[in-house]
Amino acid sequence: MTVYITHGTEYLTRRLREHRYRLGLALTYVANAVDIPVEDLTQYEYGRKPITQKELLKLANLYHVSPTYFLGGSPL
């Protein structure tokens, strides 16, 4: 069963994009590293498409932060 993130999205989109920029990672690098289409990652970063828990966990692992960081929590 696919579960989509619906709470904390005001933080989610901004933090996904900002953290990738902060790490200096290209959109294509991140998309390939976590096996998400570039188009989907772009949609997630701009809040145009809901992200699944599974995809959020993949991104959090790549960025070395807690998944709750993207929802407004602490990075650890």
Protein backbone atom coordinates (compact mmCIF):
# COMPACT_ATOMS: atom_id res chain seq x y z
CA MET A 1 0.00 0.00 0.00
CA THR A 2 1.37 3.39 -0.99
CA VAL A 3 1.15 6.09 1.68
CA TYR A 4 1.42 9.73 0.64
CA ILE A 5 2.62 12.54 2.89
CA THR A 6 -0.21 15.00 3.47
CA HIS A 7 0.84 16.85 6.65
CA GLY A 8 3.69 19.34 6.90
CA THR A 9 3.81 19.96 3.18
CA GLU A 10 4.51 23.67 3.70
CA TYR A 11 7.91 22.64 5.06
CA LEU A 12 8.35 19.63 2.84
CA THR A 13 8.61 21.30 -0.54
CA ARG A 14 10.85 24.12 0.67
CA ARG A 15 13.16 21.88 2.68
CA LEU A 16 13.53 19.29 -0.07
CA ARG A 17 14.75 21.94 -2.48
CA GLU A 18 16.82 23.94 0.02
CA HIS A 19 18.61 20.92 1.44
CA ARG A 20 19.55 19.65 -2.01
CA TYR A 21 20.94 23.11 -2.85
CA ARG A 22 22.80 23.27 0.46
CA LEU A 23 24.49 19.96 -0.30
CA GLY A 24 25.34 21.12 -3.81
CA LEU A 25 23.60 18.18 -5.45
CA ALA A 26 22.18 18.35 -8.95
CA LEU A 27 18.58 17.36 -9.49
CA THR A 28 19.58 14.59 -11.89
CA TYR A 29 22.15 13.20 -9.45
CA VAL A 30 19.58 12.98 -6.65
CA ALA A 31 16.90 11.49 -8.89
CA ASN A 32 19.28 8.79 -10.13
CA ALA A 33 20.66 8.08 -6.65
CA VAL A 34 17.22 7.38 -5.18
CA ASP A 35 15.66 5.95 -8.35
CA ILE A 36 12.99 8.63 -8.74
CA PRO A 37 12.26 10.18 -12.14
CA VAL A 38 13.68 13.71 -12.44
CA GLU A 39 10.22 14.99 -13.35
CA ASP A 40 8.74 13.56 -10.15
CA LEU A 41 11.50 15.01 -7.98
CA THR A 42 10.91 18.42 -9.53
CA GLN A 43 7.19 18.07 -8.84
CA TYR A 44 7.89 17.15 -5.20
CA GLU A 45 10.21 20.11 -4.70
CA TYR A 46 7.57 22.53 -5.96
CA GLY A 47 4.58 20.89 -4.27
CA ARG A 48 2.86 19.88 -7.49
CA LYS A 49 2.76 16.16 -6.68
CA PRO A 50 2.46 14.34 -3.35
CA ILE A 51 5.47 12.33 -2.24
CA THR A 52 5.27 8.83 -0.80
CA GLN A 53 6.72 7.84 2.54
CA LYS A 54 9.07 5.47 0.74
CA GLU A 55 10.44 8.21 -1.52
CA LEU A 56 10.78 10.65 1.39
CA LEU A 57 12.77 8.04 3.32
CA LYS A 58 15.08 7.50 0.33
CA LEU A 59 15.74 11.25 0.09
CA ALA A 60 16.28 11.58 3.84
CA ASN A 61 18.83 8.75 3.74
CA LEU A 62 20.67 10.32 0.83
CA TYR A 63 20.70 13.73 2.55
CA HIS A 64 21.65 12.21 5.95
CA VAL A 65 18.71 13.77 7.80
CA SER A 66 15.68 12.48 9.63
CA PRO A 67 12.55 12.19 7.47
CA THR A 68 10.77 14.40 10.02
CA TYR A 69 13.18 17.22 9.13
CA PHE A 70 11.33 17.66 5.84
CA LEU A 71 8.07 18.02 7.77
CA GLY A 72 9.36 20.79 10.03
CA GLY A 73 11.36 18.83 12.58
CA SER A 74 15.00 18.64 13.53
CA PRO A 75 17.53 17.33 10.98
CA LEU A 76 18.74 14.61 13.39
